[in-house]
PDB file of all heavy atoms in Angstrom:
ATOM      1  N   THR A   1     173.600  84.398  83.385  1.00  0.00           N
ATOM      2  CA  THR A   1     173.487  82.961  83.119  1.00  0.00           C
ATOM      3  C   THR A   1     172.693  82.667  81.854  1.00  0.00           C
ATOM      4  O   THR A   1     171.896  83.471  81.383  1.00  0.00           O
ATOM      5  CB  THR A   1     172.801  82.247  84.283  1.00  0.00           C
ATOM      6  OG1 THR A   1     171.447  82.715  84.399  1.00  0.00           O
ATOM      7  CG2 THR A   1     173.537  82.505  85.595  1.00  0.00           C
ATOM      8  N   THR A   2     172.915  81.466  81.336  1.00  0.00           N
ATOM      9  CA  THR A   2     172.044  80.892  80.317  1.00  0.00           C
ATOM     10  C   THR A   2     171.023  80.019  81.031  1.00  0.00           C
ATOM     11  O   THR A   2     171.382  79.205  81.885  1.00  0.00           O
ATOM     12  CB  THR A   2     172.840  80.045  79.316  1.00  0.00           C
ATOM     13  OG1 THR A   2     173.691  80.908  78.548  1.00  0.00           O
ATOM     14  CG2 THR A   2     171.914  79.297  78.373  1.00  0.00           C
ATOM     15  N   VAL A   3     169.762  80.219  80.724  1.00  0.00           N
ATOM     16  CA  VAL A   3     168.691  79.442  81.340  1.00  0.00           C
ATOM     17  C   VAL A   3     167.843  78.809  80.255  1.00  0.00           C
ATOM     18  O   VAL A   3     167.767  79.321  79.129  1.00  0.00           O
ATOM     19  CB  VAL A   3     167.814  80.298  82.272  1.00  0.00           C
ATOM     20  CG1 VAL A   3     168.561  80.652  83.545  1.00  0.00           C
ATOM     21  CG2 VAL A   3     167.347  81.568  81.568  1.00  0.00           C
ATOM     22  N   GLY A   4     167.218  77.713  80.609  1.00  0.00           N
ATOM     23  CA  GLY A   4     166.440  77.031  79.587  1.00  0.00           C
ATOM     24  C   GLY A   4     165.514  75.977  80.153  1.00  0.00           C
ATOM     25  O   GLY A   4     165.388  75.826  81.371  1.00  0.00           O
ATOM     26  N   TRP A   5     164.859  75.299  79.235  1.00  0.00           N
ATOM     27  CA  TRP A   5     163.918  74.238  79.555  1.00  0.00           C
ATOM     28  C   TRP A   5     164.299  72.971  78.794  1.00  0.00           C
ATOM     29  O   TRP A   5     164.612  73.026  77.600  1.00  0.00           O
ATOM     30  CB  TRP A   5     162.503  74.654  79.169  1.00  0.00           C
ATOM     31  CG  TRP A   5     161.966  75.760  80.001  1.00  0.00           C
ATOM     32  CD1 TRP A   5     162.045  77.096  79.758  1.00  0.00           C
ATOM     33  CD2 TRP A   5     161.270  75.620  81.243  1.00  0.00           C
ATOM     34  NE1 TRP A   5     161.441  77.805  80.767  1.00  0.00           N
ATOM     35  CE2 TRP A   5     160.955  76.916  81.697  1.00  0.00           C
ATOM     36  CE3 TRP A   5     160.863  74.531  82.022  1.00  0.00           C
ATOM     37  CZ2 TRP A   5     160.261  77.146  82.882  1.00  0.00           C
ATOM     38  CZ3 TRP A   5     160.179  74.768  83.199  1.00  0.00           C
ATOM     39  CH2 TRP A   5     159.887  76.061  83.606  1.00  0.00           C
ATOM     40  N   TYR A   6     164.263  71.877  79.523  1.00  0.00           N
ATOM     41  CA  TYR A   6     164.455  70.559  78.946  1.00  0.00           C
ATOM     42  C   TYR A   6     163.209  69.738  79.258  1.00  0.00           C
ATOM     43  O   TYR A   6     162.437  70.087  80.142  1.00  0.00           O
ATOM     44  CB  TYR A   6     165.684  69.877  79.551  1.00  0.00           C
ATOM     45  CG  TYR A   6     167.002  70.463  79.106  1.00  0.00           C
ATOM     46  CD1 TYR A   6     167.384  71.745  79.491  1.00  0.00           C
ATOM     47  CD2 TYR A   6     167.866  69.739  78.291  1.00  0.00           C
ATOM     48  CE1 TYR A   6     168.602  72.277  79.072  1.00  0.00           C
ATOM     49  CE2 TYR A   6     169.088  70.256  77.874  1.00  0.00           C
ATOM     50  CZ  TYR A   6     169.439  71.525  78.278  1.00  0.00           C
ATOM     51  OH  TYR A   6     170.642  72.050  77.858  1.00  0.00           O
ATOM     52  N   ARG A   7     163.050  68.640  78.567  1.00  0.00           N
ATOM     53  CA  ARG A   7     161.939  67.743  78.873  1.00  0.00           C
ATOM     54  C   ARG A   7     162.390  66.298  78.771  1.00  0.00           C
ATOM     55  O   ARG A   7     163.349  65.977  78.052  1.00  0.00           O
ATOM     56  CB  ARG A   7     160.748  68.017  77.966  1.00  0.00           C
ATOM     57  CG  ARG A   7     160.960  67.699  76.501  1.00  0.00           C
ATOM     58  CD  ARG A   7     159.766  68.163  75.673  1.00  0.00           C
ATOM     59  NE  ARG A   7     159.905  67.870  74.252  1.00  0.00           N
ATOM     60  CZ  ARG A   7     159.077  68.310  73.309  1.00  0.00           C
ATOM     61  NH1 ARG A   7     158.024  69.078  73.634  1.00  0.00           N
ATOM     62  NH2 ARG A   7     159.277  67.997  72.039  1.00  0.00           N
ATOM     63  N   GLN A   8     161.665  65.468  79.479  1.00  0.00           N
ATOM     64  CA  GLN A   8     162.030  64.063  79.521  1.00  0.00           C
ATOM     65  C   GLN A   8     160.779  63.209  79.617  1.00  0.00           C
ATOM     66  O   GLN A   8     159.890  63.478  80.423  1.00  0.00           O
ATOM     67  CB  GLN A   8     162.954  63.778  80.711  1.00  0.00           C
ATOM     68  CG  GLN A   8     163.531  62.384  80.734  1.00  0.00           C
ATOM     69  CD  GLN A   8     164.600  62.241  81.800  1.00  0.00           C
ATOM     70  OE1 GLN A   8     164.631  62.971  82.791  1.00  0.00           O
ATOM     71  NE2 GLN A   8     165.506  61.290  81.608  1.00  0.00           N
ATOM     72  N   VAL A   9     160.765  62.171  78.805  1.00  0.00           N
ATOM     73  CA  VAL A   9     159.726  61.158  78.863  1.00  0.00           C
ATOM     74  C   VAL A   9     160.340  59.931  79.522  1.00  0.00           C
ATOM     75  O   VAL A   9     161.509  59.614  79.277  1.00  0.00           O
ATOM     76  CB  VAL A   9     159.212  60.818  77.452  1.00  0.00           C
ATOM     77  CG1 VAL A   9     158.216  59.673  77.503  1.00  0.00           C
ATOM     78  CG2 VAL A   9     158.596  62.035  76.791  1.00  0.00           C
ATOM     79  N   LEU A  10     159.579  59.259  80.335  1.00  0.00           N
ATOM     80  CA  LEU A  10     160.082  58.095  81.060  1.00  0.00           C
ATOM     81  C   LEU A  10     160.743  57.113  80.099  1.00  0.00           C
ATOM     82  O   LEU A  10     160.152  56.718  79.090  1.00  0.00           O
ATOM     83  CB  LEU A  10     158.933  57.417  81.807  1.00  0.00           C
ATOM     84  CG  LEU A  10     159.326  56.358  82.835  1.00  0.00           C
ATOM     85  CD1 LEU A  10     160.139  57.001  83.946  1.00  0.00           C
ATOM     86  CD2 LEU A  10     158.085  55.680  83.397  1.00  0.00           C
ATOM     87  N   GLY A  11     161.996  56.757  80.407  1.00  0.00           N
ATOM     88  CA  GLY A  11     162.723  55.811  79.578  1.00  0.00           C
ATOM     89  C   GLY A  11     163.498  56.436  78.452  1.00  0.00           C
ATOM     90  O   GLY A  11     164.217  55.739  77.727  1.00  0.00           O
ATOM     91  N   MET A  12     163.357  57.753  78.298  1.00  0.00           N
ATOM     92  CA  MET A  12     164.054  58.460  77.225  1.00  0.00           C
ATOM     93  C   MET A  12     165.061  59.440  77.832  1.00  0.00           C
ATOM     94  O   MET A  12     165.009  59.757  79.011  1.00  0.00           O
ATOM     95  CB  MET A  12     163.050  59.217  76.353  1.00  0.00           C
ATOM     96  CG  MET A  12     161.952  58.363  75.777  1.00  0.00           C
ATOM     97  SD  MET A  12     162.542  57.242  74.503  1.00  0.00           S
ATOM     98  CE  MET A  12     162.772  58.396  73.166  1.00  0.00           C
ATOM     99  N   GLU A  13     165.961  59.915  76.985  1.00  0.00           N
ATOM    100  CA  GLU A  13     166.930  60.901  77.452  1.00  0.00           C
ATOM    101  C   GLU A  13     166.277  62.274  77.579  1.00  0.00           C
ATOM    102  O   GLU A  13     165.328  62.587  76.863  1.00  0.00           O
ATOM    103  CB  GLU A  13     168.111  60.977  76.472  1.00  0.00           C
ATOM    104  CG  GLU A  13     169.006  59.755  76.499  1.00  0.00           C
ATOM    105  CD  GLU A  13     170.272  59.958  75.694  1.00  0.00           C
ATOM    106  OE1 GLU A  13     170.457  61.059  75.147  1.00  0.00           O
ATOM    107  OE2 GLU A  13     171.070  59.015  75.621  1.00  0.00           O
ATOM    108  N   ARG A  14     166.812  63.056  78.490  1.00  0.00           N
ATOM    109  CA  ARG A  14     166.352  64.430  78.626  1.00  0.00           C
ATOM    110  C   ARG A  14     166.817  65.212  77.402  1.00  0.00           C
ATOM    111  O   ARG A  14     167.968  65.101  76.980  1.00  0.00           O
ATOM    112  CB  ARG A  14     166.907  65.035  79.910  1.00  0.00           C
ATOM    113  CG  ARG A  14     166.279  66.336  80.322  1.00  0.00           C
ATOM    114  CD  ARG A  14     166.731  66.733  81.719  1.00  0.00           C
ATOM    115  NE  ARG A  14     166.291  65.771  82.742  1.00  0.00           N
ATOM    116  CZ  ARG A  14     166.439  65.981  84.054  1.00  0.00           C
ATOM    117  NH1 ARG A  14     167.025  67.089  84.487  1.00  0.00           N
ATOM    118  NH2 ARG A  14     166.033  65.087  84.920  1.00  0.00           N
ATOM    119  N   GLU A  15     165.931  66.037  76.856  1.00  0.00           N
ATOM    120  CA  GLU A  15     166.265  66.775  75.649  1.00  0.00           C
ATOM    121  C   GLU A  15     166.011  68.264  75.827  1.00  0.00           C
ATOM    122  O   GLU A  15     165.106  68.678  76.554  1.00  0.00           O
ATOM    123  CB  GLU A  15     165.448  66.264  74.457  1.00  0.00           C
ATOM    124  CG  GLU A  15     163.951  66.455  74.580  1.00  0.00           C
ATOM    125  CD  GLU A  15     163.187  66.071  73.333  1.00  0.00           C
ATOM    126  OE1 GLU A  15     163.794  65.549  72.380  1.00  0.00           O
ATOM    127  OE2 GLU A  15     161.961  66.312  73.294  1.00  0.00           O
ATOM    128  N   LEU A  16     166.807  69.041  75.126  1.00  0.00           N
ATOM    129  CA  LEU A  16     166.640  70.493  75.155  1.00  0.00           C
ATOM    130  C   LEU A  16     165.352  70.877  74.439  1.00  0.00           C
ATOM    131  O   LEU A  16     165.079  70.404  73.336  1.00  0.00           O
ATOM    132  CB  LEU A  16     167.827  71.164  74.467  1.00  0.00           C
ATOM    133  CG  LEU A  16     167.706  72.667  74.274  1.00  0.00           C
ATOM    134  CD1 LEU A  16     167.795  73.388  75.612  1.00  0.00           C
ATOM    135  CD2 LEU A  16     168.786  73.174  73.319  1.00  0.00           C
ATOM    136  N   VAL A  17     164.612  71.761  75.084  1.00  0.00           N
ATOM    137  CA  VAL A  17     163.429  72.350  74.450  1.00  0.00           C
ATOM    138  C   VAL A  17     163.763  73.744  73.943  1.00  0.00           C
ATOM    139  O   VAL A  17     163.564  74.066  72.772  1.00  0.00           O
ATOM    140  CB  VAL A  17     162.248  72.420  75.433  1.00  0.00           C
ATOM    141  CG1 VAL A  17     161.048  73.111  74.785  1.00  0.00           C
ATOM    142  CG2 VAL A  17     161.868  71.032  75.927  1.00  0.00           C
ATOM    143  N   ALA A  18     164.290  74.570  74.839  1.00  0.00           N
ATOM    144  CA  ALA A  18     164.645  75.935  74.476  1.00  0.00           C
ATOM    145  C   ALA A  18     165.573  76.491  75.543  1.00  0.00           C
ATOM    146  O   ALA A  18     165.509  76.082  76.701  1.00  0.00           O
ATOM    147  CB  ALA A  18     163.409  76.822  74.363  1.00  0.00           C
ATOM    148  N   ARG A  19     166.426  77.427  75.138  1.00  0.00           N
ATOM    149  CA  ARG A  19     167.261  78.114  76.099  1.00  0.00           C
ATOM    150  C   ARG A  19     167.517  79.526  75.617  1.00  0.00           C
ATOM    151  O   ARG A  19     167.378  79.832  74.434  1.00  0.00           O
ATOM    152  CB  ARG A  19     168.569  77.386  76.364  1.00  0.00           C
ATOM    153  CG  ARG A  19     169.456  77.171  75.176  1.00  0.00           C
ATOM    154  CD  ARG A  19     170.633  76.289  75.566  1.00  0.00           C
ATOM    155  NE  ARG A  19     171.376  75.806  74.404  1.00  0.00           N
ATOM    156  CZ  ARG A  19     172.162  74.746  74.426  1.00  0.00           C
ATOM    157  NH1 ARG A  19     172.311  74.049  75.538  1.00  0.00           N
ATOM    158  NH2 ARG A  19     172.807  74.363  73.340  1.00  0.00           N
ATOM    159  N   ILE A  20     167.912  80.371  76.566  1.00  0.00           N
ATOM    160  CA  ILE A  20     168.147  81.774  76.270  1.00  0.00           C
ATOM    161  C   ILE A  20     169.396  82.211  77.017  1.00  0.00           C
ATOM    162  O   ILE A  20     169.557  81.935  78.208  1.00  0.00           O
ATOM    163  CB  ILE A  20     166.905  82.627  76.639  1.00  0.00           C
ATOM    164  CG1 ILE A  20     167.109  84.084  76.261  1.00  0.00           C
ATOM    165  CG2 ILE A  20     166.498  82.460  78.094  1.00  0.00           C
ATOM    166  CD1 ILE A  20     165.817  84.914  76.316  1.00  0.00           C
ATOM    167  N   THR A  21     170.274  82.880  76.310  1.00  0.00           N
ATOM    168  CA  THR A  21     171.526  83.320  76.911  1.00  0.00           C
ATOM    169  C   THR A  21     171.351  84.637  77.644  1.00  0.00           C
ATOM    170  O   THR A  21     170.296  85.275  77.591  1.00  0.00           O
ATOM    171  CB  THR A  21     172.611  83.473  75.838  1.00  0.00           C
ATOM    172  OG1 THR A  21     172.271  84.608  75.002  1.00  0.00           O
ATOM    173  CG2 THR A  21     172.732  82.235  74.973  1.00  0.00           C
ATOM    174  N   SER A  22     172.417  85.076  78.292  1.00  0.00           N
ATOM    175  CA  SER A  22     172.383  86.341  79.019  1.00  0.00           C
ATOM    176  C   SER A  22     172.145  87.521  78.072  1.00  0.00           C
ATOM    177  O   SER A  22     171.601  88.551  78.478  1.00  0.00           O
ATOM    178  CB  SER A  22     173.679  86.546  79.789  1.00  0.00           C
ATOM    179  OG  SER A  22     174.789  86.499  78.903  1.00  0.00           O
ATOM    180  N   SER A  23     172.518  87.369  76.819  1.00  0.00           N
ATOM    181  CA  SER A  23     172.337  88.448  75.845  1.00  0.00           C
ATOM    182  C   SER A  23     170.992  88.363  75.131  1.00  0.00           C
ATOM    183  O   SER A  23     170.686  89.206  74.291  1.00  0.00           O
ATOM    184  CB  SER A  23     173.457  88.417  74.811  1.00  0.00           C
ATOM    185  OG  SER A  23     173.407  87.217  74.061  1.00  0.00           O
ATOM    186  N   GLY A  24     170.222  87.325  75.467  1.00  0.00           N
ATOM    187  CA  GLY A  24     168.902  87.189  74.856  1.00  0.00           C
ATOM    188  C   GLY A  24     168.849  86.307  73.626  1.00  0.00           C
ATOM    189  O   GLY A  24     167.788  86.181  72.997  1.00  0.00           O
ATOM    190  N   ARG A  25     169.961  85.699  73.278  1.00  0.00           N
ATOM    191  CA  ARG A  25     169.953  84.795  72.120  1.00  0.00           C
ATOM    192  C   ARG A  25     169.210  83.525  72.493  1.00  0.00           C
ATOM    193  O   ARG A  25     169.427  82.970  73.561  1.00  0.00           O
ATOM    194  CB  ARG A  25     171.368  84.468  71.677  1.00  0.00           C
ATOM    195  CG  ARG A  25     171.444  83.579  70.454  1.00  0.00           C
ATOM    196  CD  ARG A  25     172.885  83.445  69.981  1.00  0.00           C
ATOM    197  NE  ARG A  25     173.754  82.879  70.994  1.00  0.00           N
ATOM    198  CZ  ARG A  25     173.931  81.576  71.180  1.00  0.00           C
ATOM    199  NH1 ARG A  25     173.287  80.710  70.428  1.00  0.00           N
ATOM    200  NH2 ARG A  25     174.761  81.142  72.120  1.00  0.00           N
ATOM    201  N   THR A  26     168.350  83.081  71.612  1.00  0.00           N
ATOM    202  CA  THR A  26     167.524  81.912  71.894  1.00  0.00           C
ATOM    203  C   THR A  26     167.863  80.739  70.977  1.00  0.00           C
ATOM    204  O   THR A  26     168.343  80.923  69.857  1.00  0.00           O
ATOM    205  CB  THR A  26     166.034  82.240  71.751  1.00  0.00           C
ATOM    206  OG1 THR A  26     165.782  82.721  70.421  1.00  0.00           O
ATOM    207  CG2 THR A  26     165.598  83.288  72.755  1.00  0.00           C
ATOM    208  N   GLU A  27     167.574  79.558  71.482  1.00  0.00           N
ATOM    209  CA  GLU A  27     167.760  78.330  70.707  1.00  0.00           C
ATOM    210  C   GLU A  27     166.580  77.424  71.020  1.00  0.00           C
ATOM    211  O   GLU A  27     166.175  77.313  72.176  1.00  0.00           O
ATOM    212  CB  GLU A  27     169.068  77.638  71.106  1.00  0.00           C
ATOM    213  CG  GLU A  27     169.328  76.335  70.378  1.00  0.00           C
ATOM    214  CD  GLU A  27     170.618  75.655  70.845  1.00  0.00           C
ATOM    215  OE1 GLU A  27     171.354  76.247  71.654  1.00  0.00           O
ATOM    216  OE2 GLU A  27     170.878  74.529  70.402  1.00  0.00           O
ATOM    217  N   TYR A  28     166.026  76.799  69.982  1.00  0.00           N
ATOM    218  CA  TYR A  28     164.868  75.936  70.148  1.00  0.00           C
ATOM    219  C   TYR A  28     165.098  74.578  69.489  1.00  0.00           C
ATOM    220  O   TYR A  28     165.784  74.477  68.463  1.00  0.00           O
ATOM    221  CB  TYR A  28     163.624  76.563  69.495  1.00  0.00           C
ATOM    222  CG  TYR A  28     163.140  77.829  70.128  1.00  0.00           C
ATOM    223  CD1 TYR A  28     163.556  79.073  69.662  1.00  0.00           C
ATOM    224  CD2 TYR A  28     162.252  77.797  71.202  1.00  0.00           C
ATOM    225  CE1 TYR A  28     163.124  80.241  70.248  1.00  0.00           C
ATOM    226  CE2 TYR A  28     161.801  78.968  71.793  1.00  0.00           C
ATOM    227  CZ  TYR A  28     162.241  80.179  71.311  1.00  0.00           C
ATOM    228  OH  TYR A  28     161.801  81.345  71.898  1.00  0.00           O
ATOM    229  N   ALA A  29     164.486  73.570  70.070  1.00  0.00           N
ATOM    230  CA  ALA A  29     164.434  72.274  69.399  1.00  0.00           C
ATOM    231  C   ALA A  29     163.583  72.425  68.140  1.00  0.00           C
ATOM    232  O   ALA A  29     162.615  73.197  68.127  1.00  0.00           O
ATOM    233  CB  ALA A  29     163.828  71.223  70.318  1.00  0.00           C
ATOM    234  N   ASP A  30     163.938  71.700  67.097  1.00  0.00           N
ATOM    235  CA  ASP A  30     163.195  71.801  65.840  1.00  0.00           C
ATOM    236  C   ASP A  30     161.713  71.491  66.043  1.00  0.00           C
ATOM    237  O   ASP A  30     160.852  72.092  65.392  1.00  0.00           O
ATOM    238  CB  ASP A  30     163.780  70.850  64.803  1.00  0.00           C
ATOM    239  CG  ASP A  30     165.115  71.321  64.268  1.00  0.00           C
ATOM    240  OD1 ASP A  30     165.434  72.525  64.434  1.00  0.00           O
ATOM    241  OD2 ASP A  30     165.846  70.500  63.696  1.00  0.00           O
ATOM    242  N   SER A  31     161.426  70.580  66.952  1.00  0.00           N
ATOM    243  CA  SER A  31     160.046  70.122  67.135  1.00  0.00           C
ATOM    244  C   SER A  31     159.142  71.184  67.761  1.00  0.00           C
ATOM    245  O   SER A  31     157.918  71.051  67.717  1.00  0.00           O
ATOM    246  CB  SER A  31     160.026  68.865  68.011  1.00  0.00           C
ATOM    247  OG  SER A  31     160.589  69.133  69.278  1.00  0.00           O
ATOM    248  N   VAL A  32     159.728  72.249  68.330  1.00  0.00           N
ATOM    249  CA  VAL A  32     158.899  73.262  69.000  1.00  0.00           C
ATOM    250  C   VAL A  32     159.003  74.625  68.333  1.00  0.00           C
ATOM    251  O   VAL A  32     158.294  75.556  68.737  1.00  0.00           O
ATOM    252  CB  VAL A  32     159.255  73.383  70.494  1.00  0.00           C
ATOM    253  CG1 VAL A  32     159.219  72.009  71.174  1.00  0.00           C
ATOM    254  CG2 VAL A  32     160.594  74.059  70.707  1.00  0.00           C
ATOM    255  N   LYS A  33     159.843  74.755  67.339  1.00  0.00           N
ATOM    256  CA  LYS A  33     160.003  76.057  66.670  1.00  0.00           C
ATOM    257  C   LYS A  33     158.673  76.533  66.101  1.00  0.00           C
ATOM    258  O   LYS A  33     157.944  75.761  65.476  1.00  0.00           O
ATOM    259  CB  LYS A  33     161.041  75.948  65.549  1.00  0.00           C
ATOM    260  CG  LYS A  33     162.470  75.906  66.032  1.00  0.00           C
ATOM    261  CD  LYS A  33     163.453  75.794  64.864  1.00  0.00           C
ATOM    262  CE  LYS A  33     164.872  75.732  65.372  1.00  0.00           C
ATOM    263  NZ  LYS A  33     165.850  75.530  64.266  1.00  0.00           N
ATOM    264  N   GLY A  34     158.389  77.794  66.340  1.00  0.00           N
ATOM    265  CA  GLY A  34     157.136  78.368  65.858  1.00  0.00           C
ATOM    266  C   GLY A  34     155.963  78.155  66.790  1.00  0.00           C
ATOM    267  O   GLY A  34     154.896  78.747  66.590  1.00  0.00           O
ATOM    268  N   ARG A  35     156.134  77.304  67.800  1.00  0.00           N
ATOM    269  CA  ARG A  35     155.040  77.032  68.753  1.00  0.00           C
ATOM    270  C   ARG A  35     155.393  77.485  70.170  1.00  0.00           C
ATOM    271  O   ARG A  35     154.511  77.918  70.920  1.00  0.00           O
ATOM    272  CB  ARG A  35     154.719  75.540  68.773  1.00  0.00           C
ATOM    273  CG  ARG A  35     154.279  74.981  67.439  1.00  0.00           C
ATOM    274  CD  ARG A  35     153.799  73.530  67.579  1.00  0.00           C
ATOM    275  NE  ARG A  35     154.850  72.627  68.046  1.00  0.00           N
ATOM    276  CZ  ARG A  35     154.762  71.894  69.158  1.00  0.00           C
ATOM    277  NH1 ARG A  35     153.673  71.948  69.910  1.00  0.00           N
ATOM    278  NH2 ARG A  35     155.751  71.078  69.499  1.00  0.00           N
ATOM    279  N   PHE A  36     156.654  77.368  70.540  1.00  0.00           N
ATOM    280  CA  PHE A  36     157.102  77.718  71.889  1.00  0.00           C
ATOM    281  C   PHE A  36     157.930  78.995  71.843  1.00  0.00           C
ATOM    282  O   PHE A  36     158.670  79.235  70.875  1.00  0.00           O
ATOM    283  CB  PHE A  36     157.961  76.611  72.473  1.00  0.00           C
ATOM    284  CG  PHE A  36     157.237  75.322  72.801  1.00  0.00           C
ATOM    285  CD1 PHE A  36     155.943  75.087  72.370  1.00  0.00           C
ATOM    286  CD2 PHE A  36     157.871  74.345  73.558  1.00  0.00           C
ATOM    287  CE1 PHE A  36     155.281  73.899  72.673  1.00  0.00           C
ATOM    288  CE2 PHE A  36     157.233  73.155  73.881  1.00  0.00           C
ATOM    289  CZ  PHE A  36     155.943  72.927  73.431  1.00  0.00           C
ATOM    290  N   THR A  37     157.843  79.770  72.915  1.00  0.00           N
ATOM    291  CA  THR A  37     158.642  80.983  73.037  1.00  0.00           C
ATOM    292  C   THR A  37     159.234  81.054  74.434  1.00  0.00           C
ATOM    293  O   THR A  37     158.501  80.994  75.424  1.00  0.00           O
ATOM    294  CB  THR A  37     157.801  82.239  72.780  1.00  0.00           C
ATOM    295  OG1 THR A  37     157.207  82.170  71.477  1.00  0.00           O
ATOM    296  CG2 THR A  37     158.671  83.489  72.869  1.00  0.00           C
ATOM    297  N   ILE A  38     160.541  81.189  74.492  1.00  0.00           N
ATOM    298  CA  ILE A  38     161.212  81.326  75.779  1.00  0.00           C
ATOM    299  C   ILE A  38     161.516  82.799  76.020  1.00  0.00           C
ATOM    300  O   ILE A  38     161.841  83.542  75.080  1.00  0.00           O
ATOM    301  CB  ILE A  38     162.506  80.479  75.839  1.00  0.00           C
ATOM    302  CG1 ILE A  38     163.057  80.438  77.263  1.00  0.00           C
ATOM    303  CG2 ILE A  38     163.548  80.971  74.837  1.00  0.00           C
ATOM    304  CD1 ILE A  38     164.176  79.413  77.451  1.00  0.00           C
ATOM    305  N   SER A  39     161.397  83.227  77.270  1.00  0.00           N
ATOM    306  CA  SER A  39     161.703  84.609  77.623  1.00  0.00           C
ATOM    307  C   SER A  39     162.263  84.635  79.034  1.00  0.00           C
ATOM    308  O   SER A  39     162.096  83.676  79.794  1.00  0.00           O
ATOM    309  CB  SER A  39     160.448  85.482  77.527  1.00  0.00           C
ATOM    310  OG  SER A  39     159.451  85.034  78.429  1.00  0.00           O
TER     311      SER A  39
END
């Protein structure tokens, strides 16, 4: 599976924070790149 983290602020849309595929490929929101690490 692909697993990941999203976040939501009240009144706003849920947004992708980071996700990781079955092969280990990662994707991050621009706002968290360099600060967050998904594993």
